[in-house]
Amino acid sequence: MKKNRSVLFIGLAVLAVWLAAYFRIIRPGTINWGAAPDEISRALPGDERAAETGFRATRAITIDAPAAKVWAWISQIGIGRGGFYSYDWLENLFLSGIHNAFPGILSWPERAEGEFVHSFQFGREKAGTNGWRFEIVEPGRSFYLNPLWGPFVAEPLGPSQTRLLVRSVGGRRGPAAAFLLGLFFDPIHFTMEKRMIISVKAAAEGRPPFSAPGTVVAFIGFILAAAAAAGVILTRRRMKAWIIVPLFWAAAVFVTTRDMKSALVAFTSGSLIVAGFRLLGRRGWAVVLGFWIYALLVLIYAIDAFVVFGIMFLAAAVSFAGAAAADWKKMHDAAVPHP
């Protein structure tokens, strides 16, 4: 009982420190990431289309490419076209069915005014629920995703340089909504939007968004983590049936999205959560809390979160293998009689 209370106390203390650091230091740096003060304060094309704005975030980046090339990528956003140029493996954990076009050649026709931009593969078109209306403000320069996203602006800085600005808007938030949305929705939206902006920059500049070798290493890390967690579940008699949870999640992801990367992440995440709770019981919440904080920090700050997670899993697997080998050697040496 005392041990459980200690774990609860430590968990609550960690949560309190995290909330203070997040709302006072981390979140303010994400709201207007990359944007200059004048870009934050000034009106962008299409701002008038938001009926009432409470939350507003402006993010920006300089791209070494003409505005026409930037427009070619951002105007094809959405399922069935260019994708969202973000973490499709993360989006597809929720069966979104998003597949990014890069690296590739955009060959779709220009979007028409009022065309629906899908954010989810299922359901009828309903703006604000599973997508947005594409509203052109200025052809070749700016458009507005309506409702509940905002303007995308490719602002020329010269013949070969562009400033890309993306503004996210939302309605007014009460105290409870501001806390919950600020804690759970805002960091994920920032993570996906930042990744999108960085990927558009790479694509418009004609270079690969991220390193392939790092991805290969990350895959190895995820596979080892999945194998270790599944091994923990399957080698304990009362836990075996729980393997169906990560298997079902991974199967649902793969069947609905045809995305092997997302299916691997689903199986790894599900196996780790199940193994953690089954081994630690109520103390599993402390582990989940710690990993949630770590995962958010990686998503917010890492250039490629998949690679960082994968390398972490690989390092953990190597460390555990080394510790297991050392323990085995000690047991072997102890069992061998000395002359």
Protein backbone atom coordinates (compact mmCIF):
# COMPACT_ATOMS: atom_id res chain seq x y z
CA MET A 1 0.00 0.00 0.00
CA LYS A 2 2.78 2.43 0.95
CA LYS A 3 4.59 1.60 -2.28
CA ASN A 4 1.48 2.34 -4.35
CA ARG A 5 1.00 5.65 -2.53
CA SER A 6 4.61 6.58 -3.22
CA VAL A 7 4.17 5.83 -6.91
CA LEU A 8 0.96 7.89 -6.97
CA PHE A 9 2.64 10.81 -5.20
CA ILE A 10 5.63 10.74 -7.56
CA GLY A 11 3.32 10.51 -10.57
CA LEU A 12 1.24 13.50 -9.43
CA ALA A 13 4.39 15.52 -8.71
CA VAL A 14 5.81 14.74 -12.15
CA LEU A 15 2.47 15.65 -13.75
CA ALA A 16 2.34 18.97 -11.89
CA VAL A 17 5.89 19.89 -12.95
CA TRP A 18 5.11 18.88 -16.54
CA LEU A 19 1.91 20.96 -16.69
CA ALA A 20 3.70 24.02 -15.34
CA ALA A 21 6.60 23.63 -17.79
CA TYR A 22 4.30 22.90 -20.71
CA PHE A 23 1.91 25.84 -20.30
CA ARG A 24 4.56 28.36 -19.22
CA ILE A 25 7.50 27.43 -21.49
CA ILE A 26 6.83 24.78 -24.13
CA ARG A 27 3.39 25.66 -25.50
CA PRO A 28 4.09 29.41 -25.99
CA GLY A 29 6.99 28.49 -28.27
CA THR A 30 4.75 26.33 -30.46
CA ILE A 31 1.88 28.77 -31.03
CA ASN A 32 3.72 31.05 -33.46
CA TRP A 33 6.60 28.81 -34.47
CA GLY A 34 8.85 30.41 -37.10
CA ALA A 35 6.67 33.53 -37.51
CA ALA A 36 8.00 37.08 -37.13
CA PRO A 37 6.11 39.54 -34.86
CA ASP A 38 4.65 41.45 -37.81
CA GLU A 39 3.44 38.19 -39.40
CA ILE A 40 1.74 37.22 -36.16
CA SER A 41 -0.10 40.50 -35.77
CA ARG A 42 -1.04 41.36 -39.34
CA ALA A 43 -4.08 40.13 -41.22
CA LEU A 44 -3.54 37.36 -43.74
CA PRO A 45 -5.61 36.85 -46.89
CA GLY A 46 -8.83 35.11 -45.93
CA ASP A 47 -8.81 36.06 -42.25
CA GLU A 48 -12.20 37.67 -42.69
CA ARG A 49 -13.69 34.24 -43.44
CA ALA A 50 -13.46 33.18 -39.80
CA ALA A 51 -16.72 34.25 -38.15
CA GLU A 52 -15.29 34.31 -34.64
CA THR A 53 -11.71 33.64 -33.63
CA GLY A 54 -10.58 32.89 -30.12
CA PHE A 55 -7.53 30.70 -30.70
CA ARG A 56 -5.05 31.78 -33.38
CA ALA A 57 -1.63 30.37 -34.25
CA THR A 58 0.63 31.56 -37.06
CA ARG A 59 3.52 29.42 -38.30
CA ALA A 60 5.97 30.26 -41.05
CA ILE A 61 9.10 29.20 -42.88
CA THR A 62 11.31 30.58 -45.67
CA ILE A 63 11.56 28.35 -48.74
CA ASP A 64 14.29 28.67 -51.37
CA ALA A 65 11.93 28.15 -54.29
CA PRO A 66 9.51 30.29 -56.33
CA ALA A 67 6.00 30.77 -54.98
CA ALA A 68 4.60 28.73 -57.90
CA LYS A 69 6.45 25.62 -56.70
CA VAL A 70 5.26 26.12 -53.13
CA TRP A 71 1.69 26.61 -54.35
CA ALA A 72 1.91 23.42 -56.42
CA TRP A 73 2.43 21.44 -53.20
CA ILE A 74 0.22 23.20 -50.67
CA SER A 75 -2.78 23.46 -53.00
CA GLN A 76 -2.83 19.66 -53.42
CA ILE A 77 -3.22 19.00 -49.72
CA GLY A 78 -5.64 16.25 -48.67
CA ILE A 79 -6.46 12.55 -49.00
CA GLY A 80 -6.41 11.28 -52.56
CA ARG A 81 -4.02 14.03 -53.63
CA GLY A 82 -0.74 15.05 -52.03
CA GLY A 83 -1.62 13.98 -48.49
CA PHE A 84 -0.71 16.25 -45.60
CA TYR A 85 3.09 15.94 -45.94
CA SER A 86 3.25 15.13 -42.23
CA TYR A 87 3.51 11.99 -40.07
CA ASP A 88 1.18 9.74 -42.06
CA TRP A 89 2.17 6.81 -39.80
CA LEU A 90 0.79 8.75 -36.83
CA GLU A 91 -2.37 9.88 -38.61
CA ASN A 92 -3.06 6.36 -39.86
CA LEU A 93 -3.00 4.95 -36.32
CA PHE A 94 -6.54 6.39 -36.27
CA LEU A 95 -7.43 4.80 -39.64
CA SER A 96 -7.26 8.11 -41.52
CA GLY A 97 -6.01 6.58 -44.78
CA ILE A 98 -3.51 9.34 -45.52
CA HIS A 99 -0.64 8.72 -47.95
CA ASN A 100 1.85 11.48 -48.72
CA ALA A 101 2.91 12.08 -52.31
CA PHE A 102 6.54 13.02 -51.68
CA PRO A 103 8.98 12.19 -53.02
CA GLY A 104 7.03 12.18 -56.26
CA ILE A 105 5.52 14.24 -59.04
CA LEU A 106 2.28 16.09 -58.49
CA SER A 107 0.09 15.39 -61.49
CA TRP A 108 -3.40 16.29 -60.28
CA PRO A 109 -5.42 19.12 -61.84
CA GLU A 110 -5.73 22.46 -60.06
CA ARG A 111 -8.22 22.45 -57.22
CA ALA A 112 -11.51 24.21 -57.87
CA GLU A 113 -13.14 26.76 -55.61
CA GLY A 114 -15.29 24.99 -52.99
CA GLU A 115 -13.71 21.57 -53.55
CA PHE A 116 -13.75 19.33 -50.48
CA VAL A 117 -10.39 18.50 -48.88
CA HIS A 118 -10.70 15.15 -47.10
CA SER A 119 -8.95 14.62 -43.77
CA PHE A 120 -10.41 11.15 -43.17
CA GLN A 121 -11.19 8.35 -45.58
CA PHE A 122 -14.59 7.37 -44.18
CA GLY A 123 -17.88 9.22 -44.04
CA ARG A 124 -19.73 11.66 -46.27
CA GLU A 125 -18.28 15.10 -46.91
CA LYS A 126 -18.96 17.26 -43.88
CA ALA A 127 -16.83 20.38 -43.52
CA GLY A 128 -15.37 20.69 -40.06
CA THR A 129 -15.80 16.97 -39.31
CA ASN A 130 -13.85 15.00 -41.89
CA GLY A 131 -12.39 17.80 -43.97
CA TRP A 132 -12.60 21.40 -45.15
CA ARG A 133 -13.79 23.46 -48.10
CA PHE A 134 -10.99 24.74 -50.32
CA GLU A 135 -11.61 28.44 -50.84
CA ILE A 136 -9.24 30.29 -53.13
CA VAL A 137 -8.35 33.76 -51.91
CA GLU A 138 -5.74 34.59 -54.53
CA PRO A 139 -4.88 31.99 -57.24
CA GLY A 140 -1.28 30.85 -57.07
CA ARG A 141 -0.70 32.61 -53.76
CA SER A 142 -3.25 31.91 -51.01
CA PHE A 143 -6.22 29.73 -50.11
CA TYR A 144 -8.36 29.12 -47.05
CA LEU A 145 -9.40 25.78 -45.53
CA ASN A 146 -12.83 26.41 -44.05
CA PRO A 147 -13.85 25.87 -41.30
CA LEU A 148 -11.44 25.42 -38.37
CA TRP A 149 -8.10 25.62 -40.11
CA GLY A 150 -7.34 28.92 -41.81
CA PRO A 151 -5.27 30.60 -44.53
CA PHE A 152 -2.24 29.17 -46.34
CA VAL A 153 -0.15 31.89 -47.94
CA ALA A 154 2.80 31.53 -50.35
CA GLU A 155 4.25 35.03 -50.18
CA PRO A 156 6.99 35.75 -52.77
CA LEU A 157 10.20 37.23 -51.40
CA GLY A 158 11.74 37.42 -54.85
CA PRO A 159 11.99 35.27 -57.99
CA SER A 160 13.49 32.28 -56.14
CA GLN A 161 12.37 32.58 -52.52
CA THR A 162 8.99 32.30 -50.77
CA ARG A 163 7.65 32.83 -47.30
CA LEU A 164 5.07 30.17 -46.43
CA LEU A 165 2.61 31.20 -43.71
CA VAL A 166 -0.04 28.92 -42.23
CA ARG A 167 -2.56 30.27 -39.76
CA SER A 168 -4.74 28.01 -37.62
CA VAL A 169 -7.88 29.50 -36.10
CA GLY A 170 -10.49 28.27 -33.68
CA GLY A 171 -13.48 29.45 -31.73
CA ARG A 172 -13.39 30.94 -28.27
CA ARG A 173 -12.47 28.52 -25.49
CA GLY A 174 -13.76 28.42 -21.95
CA PRO A 175 -11.32 27.63 -19.13
CA ALA A 176 -11.91 23.86 -19.21
CA ALA A 177 -11.79 23.66 -23.01
CA ALA A 178 -8.68 25.86 -23.12
CA PHE A 179 -6.93 23.52 -20.69
CA LEU A 180 -7.92 20.26 -22.38
CA LEU A 181 -7.42 21.45 -25.96
CA GLY A 182 -4.19 23.19 -25.03
CA LEU A 183 -2.86 20.04 -23.40
CA PHE A 184 -3.98 17.39 -25.88
CA PHE A 185 -5.02 18.92 -29.23
CA ASP A 186 -2.65 21.87 -29.63
CA PRO A 187 0.67 19.96 -29.30
CA ILE A 188 -0.44 17.29 -31.76
CA HIS A 189 -1.74 19.88 -34.23
CA PHE A 190 1.53 21.80 -33.93
CA THR A 191 3.55 18.61 -34.43
CA MET A 192 1.70 17.72 -37.62
CA GLU A 193 1.65 21.28 -38.97
CA LYS A 194 5.36 21.84 -38.29
CA ARG A 195 6.22 18.58 -40.03
CA MET A 196 4.00 19.57 -42.96
CA ILE A 197 5.67 22.98 -43.33
CA ILE A 198 9.18 21.50 -43.17
CA SER A 199 8.25 18.79 -45.69
CA VAL A 200 6.75 21.32 -48.12
CA LYS A 201 9.98 23.30 -47.89
CA ALA A 202 12.03 20.21 -48.77
CA ALA A 203 9.70 19.17 -51.60
CA ALA A 204 9.56 22.64 -53.17
CA GLU A 205 13.35 22.90 -52.97
CA GLY A 206 13.62 19.54 -54.77
CA ARG A 207 15.28 17.46 -52.05
CA PRO A 208 14.21 14.43 -50.01
CA PRO A 209 12.38 15.45 -46.83
CA PHE A 210 14.31 13.16 -44.49
CA SER A 211 17.15 10.66 -44.32
CA ALA A 212 16.42 7.12 -45.51
CA PRO A 213 19.26 5.44 -43.50
CA GLY A 214 17.82 6.84 -40.27
CA THR A 215 14.43 5.37 -41.16
CA VAL A 216 15.94 1.92 -41.70
CA VAL A 217 17.60 2.03 -38.27
CA ALA A 218 14.31 3.18 -36.73
CA PHE A 219 12.43 0.26 -38.29
CA ILE A 220 14.89 -2.13 -36.65
CA GLY A 221 14.31 -0.44 -33.30
CA PHE A 222 10.53 -0.67 -33.61
CA ILE A 223 10.71 -4.34 -34.64
CA LEU A 224 12.94 -5.21 -31.68
CA ALA A 225 10.66 -3.32 -29.26
CA ALA A 226 7.59 -5.06 -30.68
CA ALA A 227 9.26 -8.47 -30.43
CA ALA A 228 10.37 -7.85 -26.84
CA ALA A 229 6.95 -6.64 -25.68
CA ALA A 230 5.14 -9.45 -27.50
CA GLY A 231 7.59 -11.92 -25.96
CA VAL A 232 6.75 -10.64 -22.47
CA ILE A 233 3.03 -11.12 -23.17
CA LEU A 234 3.33 -14.57 -24.76
CA THR A 235 5.71 -16.08 -22.20
CA ARG A 236 3.37 -15.41 -19.29
CA ARG A 237 0.46 -17.78 -19.09
CA ARG A 238 -2.14 -15.33 -17.82
CA MET A 239 -1.12 -12.68 -20.32
CA LYS A 240 -1.20 -14.64 -23.57
CA ALA A 241 -4.76 -13.71 -24.52
CA TRP A 242 -3.90 -10.01 -24.28
CA ILE A 243 -1.78 -10.26 -27.44
CA ILE A 244 -5.05 -9.90 -29.35
CA VAL A 245 -5.18 -6.18 -28.42
CA PRO A 246 -2.07 -5.05 -30.35
CA LEU A 247 -2.75 -7.62 -33.08
CA PHE A 248 -6.27 -6.29 -33.63
CA TRP A 249 -5.10 -2.67 -33.68
CA ALA A 250 -2.28 -3.41 -36.13
CA ALA A 251 -4.57 -5.48 -38.37
CA ALA A 252 -7.25 -2.77 -38.41
CA VAL A 253 -4.65 -0.14 -39.33
CA PHE A 254 -3.17 -2.22 -42.14
CA VAL A 255 -6.50 -3.36 -43.61
CA THR A 256 -7.96 0.15 -43.69
CA THR A 257 -4.84 2.12 -44.67
CA ARG A 258 -2.45 -0.38 -46.34
CA ASP A 259 0.31 1.30 -44.38
CA MET A 260 2.83 -1.21 -42.99
CA LYS A 261 4.73 1.49 -41.09
CA SER A 262 1.60 2.55 -39.21
CA ALA A 263 0.69 -1.09 -38.53
CA LEU A 264 4.15 -1.67 -37.02
CA VAL A 265 3.80 1.42 -34.81
CA ALA A 266 0.32 0.27 -33.73
CA PHE A 267 1.54 -3.21 -32.80
CA THR A 268 4.62 -1.87 -30.99
CA SER A 269 2.64 0.74 -29.04
CA GLY A 270 -0.16 -1.67 -28.18
CA SER A 271 2.25 -4.41 -27.06
CA LEU A 272 4.24 -2.03 -24.86
CA ILE A 273 1.11 -0.67 -23.20
CA VAL A 274 -0.35 -4.14 -22.56
CA ALA A 275 2.94 -5.55 -21.28
CA GLY A 276 3.46 -2.52 -19.04
CA PHE A 277 0.03 -2.68 -17.43
CA ARG A 278 0.02 -6.45 -17.04
CA LEU A 279 3.46 -6.45 -15.43
CA LEU A 280 3.12 -3.35 -13.27
CA GLY A 281 -0.60 -3.31 -12.53
CA ARG A 282 -1.77 0.06 -11.24
CA ARG A 283 1.78 1.35 -11.35
CA GLY A 284 1.52 1.07 -15.14
CA TRP A 285 -0.11 4.52 -15.13
CA ALA A 286 3.17 6.02 -13.94
CA VAL A 287 4.98 4.42 -16.88
CA VAL A 288 2.32 5.60 -19.35
CA LEU A 289 2.51 9.13 -17.92
CA GLY A 290 6.29 9.19 -18.25
CA PHE A 291 6.20 7.88 -21.81
CA TRP A 292 3.41 10.31 -22.76
CA ILE A 293 5.53 13.25 -21.59
CA TYR A 294 8.58 11.88 -23.41
CA ALA A 295 6.58 11.22 -26.58
CA LEU A 296 5.15 14.75 -26.62
CA LEU A 297 8.61 16.27 -26.21
CA VAL A 298 9.91 14.16 -29.10
CA LEU A 299 6.95 15.05 -31.32
CA ILE A 300 7.28 18.76 -30.54
CA TYR A 301 11.05 19.12 -30.92
CA ALA A 302 12.36 16.29 -33.12
CA ILE A 303 12.96 16.77 -36.83
CA ASP A 304 11.80 13.17 -37.43
CA ALA A 305 9.95 11.63 -34.49
CA PHE A 306 9.80 8.14 -36.03
CA VAL A 307 13.59 8.01 -36.24
CA VAL A 308 14.02 9.28 -32.67
CA PHE A 309 11.55 6.74 -31.28
CA GLY A 310 13.14 3.94 -33.28
CA ILE A 311 16.68 4.78 -32.16
CA MET A 312 15.45 4.94 -28.55
CA PHE A 313 13.93 1.46 -28.89
CA LEU A 314 17.11 0.16 -30.52
CA ALA A 315 19.28 1.61 -27.75
CA ALA A 316 16.99 0.08 -25.11
CA ALA A 317 17.13 -3.31 -26.84
CA VAL A 318 20.94 -3.23 -26.98
CA SER A 319 21.11 -2.19 -23.31
CA PHE A 320 18.76 -4.96 -22.19
CA ALA A 321 20.61 -7.51 -24.31
CA GLY A 322 23.91 -6.42 -22.76
CA ALA A 323 22.46 -6.61 -19.24
CA ALA A 324 20.97 -10.03 -19.93
CA ALA A 325 24.28 -11.29 -21.30
CA ALA A 326 26.10 -9.99 -18.21
CA ASP A 327 23.59 -11.69 -15.89
CA TRP A 328 23.90 -14.94 -17.79
CA LYS A 329 27.68 -14.80 -17.55
CA LYS A 330 27.50 -14.25 -13.79
CA MET A 331 25.13 -17.18 -13.37
CA HIS A 332 27.32 -19.36 -15.57
CA ASP A 333 30.47 -18.42 -13.67
CA ALA A 334 28.74 -19.07 -10.33
CA ALA A 335 27.61 -22.52 -11.50
CA VAL A 336 31.05 -23.62 -12.70
CA PRO A 337 33.02 -25.16 -9.80
CA HIS A 338 36.35 -23.51 -9.13
CA PRO A 339 39.46 -25.68 -8.61
